[in-house]
Amino acid sequence: MLSKEKIARINALSKKAKASGLTNEEAMEQKQLREEYIKTFRASMEDTLQGVTIVDPEGNDVTPEKLKERKKNLKH
């Protein structure tokens, strides 16, 4: 999870970009923070999906094979 300070900085830079524009340094900082945010989000989503099992109305496990394989690989 990204810290509250970094999220606040992303938002502040976004507002400034819309209002008056960013310096080169600020634009680079914004890009770096956004990349870090996306990386953290994707890792969190991956962790969430590892705990998911999909069951159809009859109670059969219909979790995609790709997800089942990833779960197996993480356990070993």
Protein backbone atom coordinates (compact mmCIF):
# COMPACT_ATOMS: atom_id res chain seq x y z
CA MET A 1 0.00 0.00 0.00
CA LEU A 2 1.24 3.43 -0.88
CA SER A 3 1.58 5.87 1.99
CA LYS A 4 -0.98 8.61 2.49
CA GLU A 5 1.74 11.18 1.94
CA LYS A 6 2.61 9.78 -1.49
CA ILE A 7 -1.04 9.62 -2.54
CA ALA A 8 -1.50 13.20 -1.36
CA ARG A 9 1.57 14.22 -3.39
CA ILE A 10 0.19 12.50 -6.51
CA ASN A 11 -3.06 14.42 -6.08
CA ALA A 12 -1.26 17.72 -5.43
CA LEU A 13 0.86 17.31 -8.56
CA SER A 14 -2.23 16.44 -10.59
CA LYS A 15 -4.02 19.59 -9.42
CA LYS A 16 -0.98 21.72 -10.13
CA ALA A 17 -0.61 20.19 -13.60
CA LYS A 18 -4.18 21.17 -14.43
CA ALA A 19 -3.90 24.64 -12.91
CA SER A 20 -0.51 25.93 -13.96
CA GLY A 21 1.63 23.11 -15.33
CA LEU A 22 4.56 21.22 -13.87
CA THR A 23 8.27 21.77 -14.00
CA ASN A 24 10.37 19.00 -15.55
CA GLU A 25 11.36 17.80 -12.08
CA GLU A 26 7.75 17.72 -10.91
CA ALA A 27 6.67 15.87 -14.05
CA MET A 28 9.36 13.25 -13.46
CA GLU A 29 8.31 12.94 -9.81
CA GLN A 30 4.67 12.56 -10.86
CA LYS A 31 5.56 9.83 -13.36
CA GLN A 32 7.63 7.94 -10.77
CA LEU A 33 4.88 8.17 -8.14
CA ARG A 34 2.24 6.99 -10.61
CA GLU A 35 4.39 4.02 -11.63
CA GLU A 36 4.88 3.10 -7.97
CA TYR A 37 1.14 3.41 -7.37
CA ILE A 38 0.30 1.14 -10.32
CA LYS A 39 2.92 -1.42 -9.27
CA THR A 40 1.48 -1.51 -5.74
CA PHE A 41 -2.08 -1.75 -7.04
CA ARG A 42 -1.23 -4.65 -9.35
CA ALA A 43 0.55 -6.54 -6.56
CA SER A 44 -2.45 -6.06 -4.30
CA MET A 45 -4.84 -7.26 -7.00
CA GLU A 46 -2.64 -10.29 -7.66
CA ASP A 47 -2.71 -11.20 -3.95
CA THR A 48 -6.49 -10.84 -3.93
CA LEU A 49 -6.92 -13.07 -6.96
CA GLN A 50 -4.73 -15.77 -5.43
CA GLY A 51 -7.39 -16.25 -2.76
CA VAL A 52 -10.33 -16.49 -5.18
CA THR A 53 -12.12 -19.70 -6.06
CA ILE A 54 -14.93 -19.51 -8.60
CA VAL A 55 -17.89 -21.82 -8.02
CA ASP A 56 -20.82 -22.28 -10.42
CA PRO A 57 -24.46 -22.52 -9.25
CA GLU A 58 -24.18 -26.33 -8.93
CA GLY A 59 -21.22 -25.99 -6.56
CA ASN A 60 -18.52 -27.04 -9.03
CA ASP A 61 -15.12 -25.38 -8.89
CA VAL A 62 -14.80 -23.53 -12.22
CA THR A 63 -11.71 -21.53 -11.37
CA PRO A 64 -9.68 -20.97 -14.57
CA GLU A 65 -6.78 -23.40 -14.92
CA LYS A 66 -4.31 -20.54 -15.26
CA LEU A 67 -5.28 -19.25 -11.82
CA LYS A 68 -5.15 -22.75 -10.32
CA GLU A 69 -1.62 -23.20 -11.68
CA ARG A 70 -0.49 -19.87 -10.23
CA LYS A 71 -1.85 -20.88 -6.83
CA LYS A 72 0.03 -24.19 -6.98
CA ASN A 73 3.26 -22.47 -7.97
CA LEU A 74 3.04 -20.03 -5.06
CA LYS A 75 2.56 -22.82 -2.53
CA HIS A 76 5.74 -24.62 -3.62
